[in-house]
C-alpha atoms as a PDB file:
ATOM      1  CA  MET A   1      50.298  46.404  20.595  1.00  0.00           C
ATOM      2  CA  ARG A   2      54.111  46.343  20.598  1.00  0.00           C
ATOM      3  CA  THR A   3      55.231  42.903  21.622  1.00  0.00           C
ATOM      4  CA  HIS A   4      58.975  43.650  21.684  1.00  0.00           C
ATOM      5  CA  HIS A   5      58.569  45.341  25.060  1.00  0.00           C
ATOM      6  CA  LEU A   6      56.937  42.212  26.522  1.00  0.00           C
ATOM      7  CA  PRO A   7      58.831  39.515  28.375  1.00  0.00           C
ATOM      8  CA  PRO A   8      60.233  36.754  26.099  1.00  0.00           C
ATOM      9  CA  VAL A   9      57.963  34.088  27.600  1.00  0.00           C
ATOM     10  CA  LEU A  10      54.855  36.163  26.943  1.00  0.00           C
ATOM     11  CA  ARG A  11      55.974  36.937  23.377  1.00  0.00           C
ATOM     12  CA  GLN A  12      56.387  33.221  22.701  1.00  0.00           C
ATOM     13  CA  HIS A  13      52.914  32.514  24.024  1.00  0.00           C
ATOM     14  CA  LEU A  14      51.408  35.239  21.833  1.00  0.00           C
ATOM     15  CA  ALA A  15      53.211  33.868  18.768  1.00  0.00           C
ATOM     16  CA  ALA A  16      51.911  30.387  19.558  1.00  0.00           C
ATOM     17  CA  LEU A  17      48.404  31.775  19.981  1.00  0.00           C
ATOM     18  CA  ARG A  18      48.567  33.498  16.584  1.00  0.00           C
ATOM     19  CA  MET A  19      49.737  30.279  14.931  1.00  0.00           C
ATOM     20  CA  LEU A  20      46.932  28.382  16.650  1.00  0.00           C
ATOM     21  CA  LEU A  21      44.347  30.831  15.308  1.00  0.00           C
ATOM     22  CA  VAL A  22      45.825  30.753  11.795  1.00  0.00           C
ATOM     23  CA  PHE A  23      45.892  26.956  11.577  1.00  0.00           C
ATOM     24  CA  THR A  24      42.452  26.681  13.171  1.00  0.00           C
ATOM     25  CA  VAL A  25      41.052  28.805  10.353  1.00  0.00           C
ATOM     26  CA  LEU A  26      43.043  26.938   7.678  1.00  0.00           C
ATOM     27  CA  THR A  27      42.494  23.362   8.818  1.00  0.00           C
ATOM     28  CA  GLY A  28      39.245  23.748  10.738  1.00  0.00           C
ATOM     29  CA  VAL A  29      37.306  26.016   8.380  1.00  0.00           C
ATOM     30  CA  THR A  30      38.950  26.668   5.012  1.00  0.00           C
ATOM     31  CA  TYR A  31      40.106  23.127   4.220  1.00  0.00           C
ATOM     32  CA  PRO A  32      36.813  21.387   5.207  1.00  0.00           C
ATOM     33  CA  LEU A  33      34.801  23.914   3.179  1.00  0.00           C
ATOM     34  CA  LEU A  34      37.091  23.436   0.175  1.00  0.00           C
ATOM     35  CA  VAL A  35      36.893  19.633   0.313  1.00  0.00           C
ATOM     36  CA  THR A  36      33.123  19.716   0.849  1.00  0.00           C
ATOM     37  CA  GLY A  37      32.683  22.070  -2.103  1.00  0.00           C
ATOM     38  CA  ILE A  38      34.773  19.887  -4.417  1.00  0.00           C
ATOM     39  CA  ALA A  39      32.936  16.736  -3.274  1.00  0.00           C
ATOM     40  CA  GLN A  40      29.507  18.312  -3.807  1.00  0.00           C
ATOM     41  CA  ALA A  41      30.499  19.566  -7.253  1.00  0.00           C
ATOM     42  CA  ALA A  42      32.288  16.450  -8.524  1.00  0.00           C
ATOM     43  CA  PHE A  43      30.699  13.572  -6.562  1.00  0.00           C
ATOM     44  CA  PRO A  44      27.349  14.747  -5.137  1.00  0.00           C
ATOM     45  CA  HIS A  45      25.826  11.258  -4.895  1.00  0.00           C
ATOM     46  CA  GLN A  46      28.750   9.799  -2.971  1.00  0.00           C
ATOM     47  CA  ALA A  47      29.236  12.937  -0.863  1.00  0.00           C
ATOM     48  CA  ASN A  48      25.628  12.781   0.320  1.00  0.00           C
ATOM     49  CA  GLY A  49      25.840   9.169   1.476  1.00  0.00           C
ATOM     50  CA  SER A  50      25.146   7.187  -1.730  1.00  0.00           C
ATOM     51  CA  LEU A  51      21.461   7.237  -0.858  1.00  0.00           C
ATOM     52  CA  VAL A  52      18.942   4.947  -2.550  1.00  0.00           C
ATOM     53  CA  THR A  53      15.606   6.663  -3.098  1.00  0.00           C
ATOM     54  CA  THR A  54      12.057   5.512  -3.778  1.00  0.00           C
ATOM     55  CA  HIS A  55       9.575   8.068  -5.089  1.00  0.00           C
ATOM     56  CA  GLY A  56      12.080  10.769  -4.231  1.00  0.00           C
ATOM     57  CA  LYS A  57      12.464   9.669  -0.601  1.00  0.00           C
ATOM     58  CA  PRO A  58      15.704   8.116   0.740  1.00  0.00           C
ATOM     59  CA  VAL A  59      15.151   4.539   1.891  1.00  0.00           C
ATOM     60  CA  ALA A  60      18.691   3.230   2.298  1.00  0.00           C
ATOM     61  CA  SER A  61      22.354   3.776   1.566  1.00  0.00           C
ATOM     62  CA  SER A  62      24.046   1.554  -0.974  1.00  0.00           C
ATOM     63  CA  LEU A  63      27.126   1.589   1.279  1.00  0.00           C
ATOM     64  CA  ILE A  64      25.424  -0.026   4.277  1.00  0.00           C
ATOM     65  CA  GLY A  65      24.012  -3.532   4.303  1.00  0.00           C
ATOM     66  CA  GLN A  66      20.698  -4.231   5.928  1.00  0.00           C
ATOM     67  CA  SER A  67      18.478  -7.106   6.938  1.00  0.00           C
ATOM     68  CA  PHE A  68      15.726  -8.309   4.619  1.00  0.00           C
ATOM     69  CA  ALA A  69      13.783 -10.354   7.128  1.00  0.00           C
ATOM     70  CA  LEU A  70      10.235 -11.305   7.927  1.00  0.00           C
ATOM     71  CA  PRO A  71       8.531  -9.369  10.741  1.00  0.00           C
ATOM     72  CA  LYS A  72       8.449 -10.961  14.158  1.00  0.00           C
ATOM     73  CA  LYS A  73       5.483 -13.150  15.021  1.00  0.00           C
ATOM     74  CA  ASN A  74       5.737 -11.872  18.605  1.00  0.00           C
ATOM     75  CA  PRO A  75       7.079  -8.302  18.453  1.00  0.00           C
ATOM     76  CA  GLY A  76       7.376  -8.158  22.222  1.00  0.00           C
ATOM     77  CA  ASP A  77       9.716 -11.157  22.408  1.00  0.00           C
ATOM     78  CA  PRO A  78      13.350  -9.951  22.393  1.00  0.00           C
ATOM     79  CA  LYS A  79      14.637 -13.525  22.042  1.00  0.00           C
ATOM     80  CA  GLU A  80      12.745 -14.270  18.832  1.00  0.00           C
ATOM     81  CA  GLU A  81      15.122 -14.355  15.878  1.00  0.00           C
ATOM     82  CA  LEU A  82      14.165 -12.732  12.592  1.00  0.00           C
ATOM     83  CA  GLY A  83      13.698 -15.149   9.730  1.00  0.00           C
ATOM     84  CA  PRO A  84      14.878 -14.283   6.193  1.00  0.00           C
ATOM     85  CA  ASP A  85      12.192 -13.135   3.768  1.00  0.00           C
ATOM     86  CA  PRO A  86      12.175 -15.423   0.690  1.00  0.00           C
ATOM     87  CA  ARG A  87      11.012 -12.534  -1.520  1.00  0.00           C
ATOM     88  CA  TRP A  88      14.344 -10.737  -1.151  1.00  0.00           C
ATOM     89  CA  PHE A  89      17.966 -11.494  -1.908  1.00  0.00           C
ATOM     90  CA  GLN A  90      19.745 -12.044   1.388  1.00  0.00           C
ATOM     91  CA  PRO A  91      23.001 -10.360   2.425  1.00  0.00           C
ATOM     92  CA  ARG A  92      25.942 -11.822   4.316  1.00  0.00           C
ATOM     93  CA  PRO A  93      25.514 -12.558   8.014  1.00  0.00           C
ATOM     94  CA  SER A  94      26.312  -9.673  10.335  1.00  0.00           C
ATOM     95  CA  ALA A  95      28.027  -9.846  13.713  1.00  0.00           C
ATOM     96  CA  GLY A  96      26.428  -6.540  14.663  1.00  0.00           C
ATOM     97  CA  GLY A  97      22.940  -6.908  13.232  1.00  0.00           C
ATOM     98  CA  TYR A  98      23.730  -4.521  10.340  1.00  0.00           C
ATOM     99  CA  ASP A  99      23.922  -1.672  12.831  1.00  0.00           C
ATOM    100  CA  PRO A 100      26.422   1.000  11.640  1.00  0.00           C
ATOM    101  CA  MET A 101      26.871   2.049  15.268  1.00  0.00           C
ATOM    102  CA  ALA A 102      28.016  -1.486  16.140  1.00  0.00           C
ATOM    103  CA  SER A 103      30.172  -2.114  13.090  1.00  0.00           C
ATOM    104  CA  GLY A 104      32.690  -4.898  13.539  1.00  0.00           C
ATOM    105  CA  ALA A 105      33.422  -8.584  13.241  1.00  0.00           C
ATOM    106  CA  SER A 106      33.046 -11.448  15.717  1.00  0.00           C
ATOM    107  CA  ASN A 107      36.868 -11.629  16.070  1.00  0.00           C
ATOM    108  CA  LEU A 108      36.649 -15.418  16.159  1.00  0.00           C
ATOM    109  CA  GLY A 109      39.592 -17.239  14.595  1.00  0.00           C
ATOM    110  CA  PRO A 110      39.137 -19.757  11.740  1.00  0.00           C
ATOM    111  CA  ASN A 111      39.730 -22.669  14.118  1.00  0.00           C
ATOM    112  CA  ASN A 112      37.418 -21.413  16.831  1.00  0.00           C
ATOM    113  CA  PRO A 113      34.834 -24.143  17.623  1.00  0.00           C
ATOM    114  CA  ASP A 114      32.068 -21.563  18.075  1.00  0.00           C
ATOM    115  CA  LEU A 115      32.708 -20.159  14.610  1.00  0.00           C
ATOM    116  CA  GLU A 116      32.887 -23.627  13.076  1.00  0.00           C
ATOM    117  CA  ALA A 117      29.548 -24.531  14.679  1.00  0.00           C
ATOM    118  CA  ALA A 118      27.972 -21.268  13.515  1.00  0.00           C
ATOM    119  CA  VAL A 119      29.194 -21.837   9.956  1.00  0.00           C
ATOM    120  CA  ARG A 120      27.789 -25.376   9.879  1.00  0.00           C
ATOM    121  CA  LYS A 121      24.454 -24.127  11.189  1.00  0.00           C
ATOM    122  CA  ARG A 122      24.320 -21.265   8.692  1.00  0.00           C
ATOM    123  CA  ARG A 123      25.317 -23.537   5.791  1.00  0.00           C
ATOM    124  CA  ALA A 124      22.503 -25.952   6.578  1.00  0.00           C
ATOM    125  CA  ALA A 125      20.019 -23.092   6.973  1.00  0.00           C
ATOM    126  CA  VAL A 126      21.014 -21.395   3.700  1.00  0.00           C
ATOM    127  CA  ALA A 127      20.958 -24.690   1.800  1.00  0.00           C
ATOM    128  CA  ALA A 128      17.454 -25.463   3.084  1.00  0.00           C
ATOM    129  CA  PHE A 129      16.229 -21.917   2.457  1.00  0.00           C
ATOM    130  CA  ASP A 130      17.515 -21.766  -1.128  1.00  0.00           C
ATOM    131  CA  ARG A 131      16.911 -25.491  -1.740  1.00  0.00           C
ATOM    132  CA  VAL A 132      20.447 -26.244  -2.850  1.00  0.00           C
ATOM    133  CA  SER A 133      23.143 -28.666  -1.769  1.00  0.00           C
ATOM    134  CA  PRO A 134      25.115 -27.568   1.304  1.00  0.00           C
ATOM    135  CA  ALA A 135      28.309 -28.116  -0.701  1.00  0.00           C
ATOM    136  CA  SER A 136      27.264 -25.426  -3.192  1.00  0.00           C
ATOM    137  CA  VAL A 137      26.689 -22.704  -0.585  1.00  0.00           C
ATOM    138  CA  PRO A 138      29.357 -19.981  -1.086  1.00  0.00           C
ATOM    139  CA  VAL A 139      31.555 -19.047   1.842  1.00  0.00           C
ATOM    140  CA  ASP A 140      30.259 -15.455   1.991  1.00  0.00           C
ATOM    141  CA  ALA A 141      26.757 -16.804   2.646  1.00  0.00           C
ATOM    142  CA  VAL A 142      27.878 -18.239   5.988  1.00  0.00           C
ATOM    143  CA  THR A 143      30.560 -15.793   7.162  1.00  0.00           C
ATOM    144  CA  ALA A 144      30.168 -12.161   8.192  1.00  0.00           C
ATOM    145  CA  SER A 145      32.266  -9.381   6.722  1.00  0.00           C
ATOM    146  CA  GLY A 146      34.855  -7.519   8.762  1.00  0.00           C
ATOM    147  CA  SER A 147      32.543  -4.537   9.140  1.00  0.00           C
ATOM    148  CA  GLY A 148      29.291  -6.437   9.587  1.00  0.00           C
ATOM    149  CA  ILE A 149      27.559  -3.951   7.277  1.00  0.00           C
ATOM    150  CA  ASP A 150      29.016  -4.964   3.904  1.00  0.00           C
ATOM    151  CA  PRO A 151      26.194  -4.577   1.333  1.00  0.00           C
ATOM    152  CA  ALA A 152      27.872  -6.831  -1.243  1.00  0.00           C
ATOM    153  CA  VAL A 153      27.880 -10.580  -1.834  1.00  0.00           C
ATOM    154  CA  SER A 154      29.617 -12.720  -4.412  1.00  0.00           C
ATOM    155  CA  PRO A 155      27.875 -13.277  -7.760  1.00  0.00           C
ATOM    156  CA  ALA A 156      27.757 -16.980  -6.872  1.00  0.00           C
ATOM    157  CA  TYR A 157      25.648 -16.294  -3.779  1.00  0.00           C
ATOM    158  CA  ALA A 158      23.383 -13.883  -5.656  1.00  0.00           C
ATOM    159  CA  TYR A 159      22.769 -16.363  -8.478  1.00  0.00           C
ATOM    160  CA  GLU A 160      22.106 -19.136  -5.949  1.00  0.00           C
ATOM    161  CA  GLN A 161      19.112 -17.163  -4.670  1.00  0.00           C
ATOM    162  CA  VAL A 162      17.508 -16.523  -8.074  1.00  0.00           C
ATOM    163  CA  SER A 163      15.176 -19.533  -8.086  1.00  0.00           C
ATOM    164  CA  ARG A 164      13.890 -18.885  -4.592  1.00  0.00           C
ATOM    165  CA  VAL A 165      13.258 -15.162  -5.205  1.00  0.00           C
ATOM    166  CA  ALA A 166      11.617 -15.812  -8.573  1.00  0.00           C
ATOM    167  CA  LYS A 167       9.293 -18.422  -7.084  1.00  0.00           C
ATOM    168  CA  ALA A 168       8.354 -16.233  -4.097  1.00  0.00           C
ATOM    169  CA  ARG A 169       7.553 -13.298  -6.385  1.00  0.00           C
ATOM    170  CA  ARG A 170       6.036 -15.364  -9.208  1.00  0.00           C
ATOM    171  CA  LEU A 171       8.537 -13.994 -11.688  1.00  0.00           C
ATOM    172  CA  ALA A 172      10.317 -15.789 -14.513  1.00  0.00           C
ATOM    173  CA  PRO A 173      13.719 -17.030 -13.235  1.00  0.00           C
ATOM    174  CA  ALA A 174      15.365 -15.750 -16.405  1.00  0.00           C
ATOM    175  CA  ARG A 175      14.111 -12.253 -15.665  1.00  0.00           C
ATOM    176  CA  VAL A 176      15.479 -12.314 -12.120  1.00  0.00           C
ATOM    177  CA  ARG A 177      18.782 -13.802 -13.297  1.00  0.00           C
ATOM    178  CA  LYS A 178      19.115 -11.024 -15.856  1.00  0.00           C
ATOM    179  CA  LEU A 179      18.608  -8.463 -13.087  1.00  0.00           C
ATOM    180  CA  VAL A 180      21.394 -10.060 -11.055  1.00  0.00           C
ATOM    181  CA  ALA A 181      23.698 -10.031 -14.079  1.00  0.00           C
ATOM    182  CA  GLU A 182      23.061  -6.312 -14.502  1.00  0.00           C
ATOM    183  CA  HIS A 183      24.212  -5.725 -10.917  1.00  0.00           C
ATOM    184  CA  VAL A 184      27.474  -7.658 -11.062  1.00  0.00           C
ATOM    185  CA  GLN A 185      30.241  -5.132 -10.401  1.00  0.00           C
ATOM    186  CA  GLY A 186      33.741  -5.861 -11.654  1.00  0.00           C
ATOM    187  CA  ARG A 187      37.007  -5.436  -9.797  1.00  0.00           C
ATOM    188  CA  VAL A 188      38.112  -1.901  -8.961  1.00  0.00           C
ATOM    189  CA  LEU A 189      40.475  -0.690 -11.688  1.00  0.00           C
ATOM    190  CA  GLY A 190      40.226  -4.163 -13.156  1.00  0.00           C
ATOM    191  CA  PHE A 191      42.441  -5.894 -10.590  1.00  0.00           C
ATOM    192  CA  LEU A 192      41.518  -4.825  -7.031  1.00  0.00           C
ATOM    193  CA  GLY A 193      39.100  -6.934  -5.009  1.00  0.00           C
ATOM    194  CA  GLN A 194      36.598  -9.396  -6.435  1.00  0.00           C
ATOM    195  CA  GLU A 195      33.419  -9.193  -8.488  1.00  0.00           C
ATOM    196  CA  ASN A 196      30.420  -8.522  -6.300  1.00  0.00           C
ATOM    197  CA  VAL A 197      26.708  -7.747  -6.246  1.00  0.00           C
ATOM    198  CA  ASN A 198      25.327  -4.940  -4.093  1.00  0.00           C
ATOM    199  CA  ILE A 199      22.322  -6.501  -2.368  1.00  0.00           C
ATOM    200  CA  VAL A 200      20.774  -3.177  -1.340  1.00  0.00           C
ATOM    201  CA  GLU A 201      20.764  -1.879  -4.917  1.00  0.00           C
ATOM    202  CA  LEU A 202      19.682  -5.268  -6.294  1.00  0.00           C
ATOM    203  CA  ASN A 203      16.671  -5.506  -3.968  1.00  0.00           C
ATOM    204  CA  HIS A 204      15.741  -1.901  -4.700  1.00  0.00           C
ATOM    205  CA  ASP A 205      15.560  -2.662  -8.419  1.00  0.00           C
ATOM    206  CA  LEU A 206      13.876  -5.991  -7.702  1.00  0.00           C
ATOM    207  CA  ALA A 207      11.023  -4.102  -6.095  1.00  0.00           C
ATOM    208  CA  GLY A 208      10.742  -2.105  -9.300  1.00  0.00           C
ATOM    209  CA  LEU A 209      10.070  -5.269 -11.303  1.00  0.00           C
ATOM    210  CA  MET A 210       6.688  -5.514  -9.592  1.00  0.00           C
END
């Protein structure tokens, strides 16, 4: 079709349409396929969701925190709160119940009285649960992450839970402490962020000790 005989306005629209089709193919098909191919070839584990498997079946993602709680005594009661299971290392609190679809923080400021009351309540609960002094409870044990699904805690909070987990599982504390030490991850590139322990991966390997 000869476009030079068409009106200028129509020629401009046809040129724009051709550019739209070209960039749709480049950015909507070619580029995603290229990136996906590189990711699958170079980083297949990360590209597929960093899944944690048991007996070949995916059971979690190491990127998403989750609750390790006791089952409800009254499953039909929506107001009943889940209690932490002493057999597992516990993650940080979550403002969204560890739901990836409700990721987010409480947005309460550090001087908000509701947050201060929640922190005091959590500190007392964690201290009683782990049988430690309230003063020794790390800050990440009583405050939620910005996403609400952070799977990591500080090494201090992980080590604090060793005695309780070892007693609940009838394991030697030294054995459980060694497992925690093996899961301490250093700073990214040696200087970004802080050392941390991925609770999802730690609990997965803890189950393997049995």
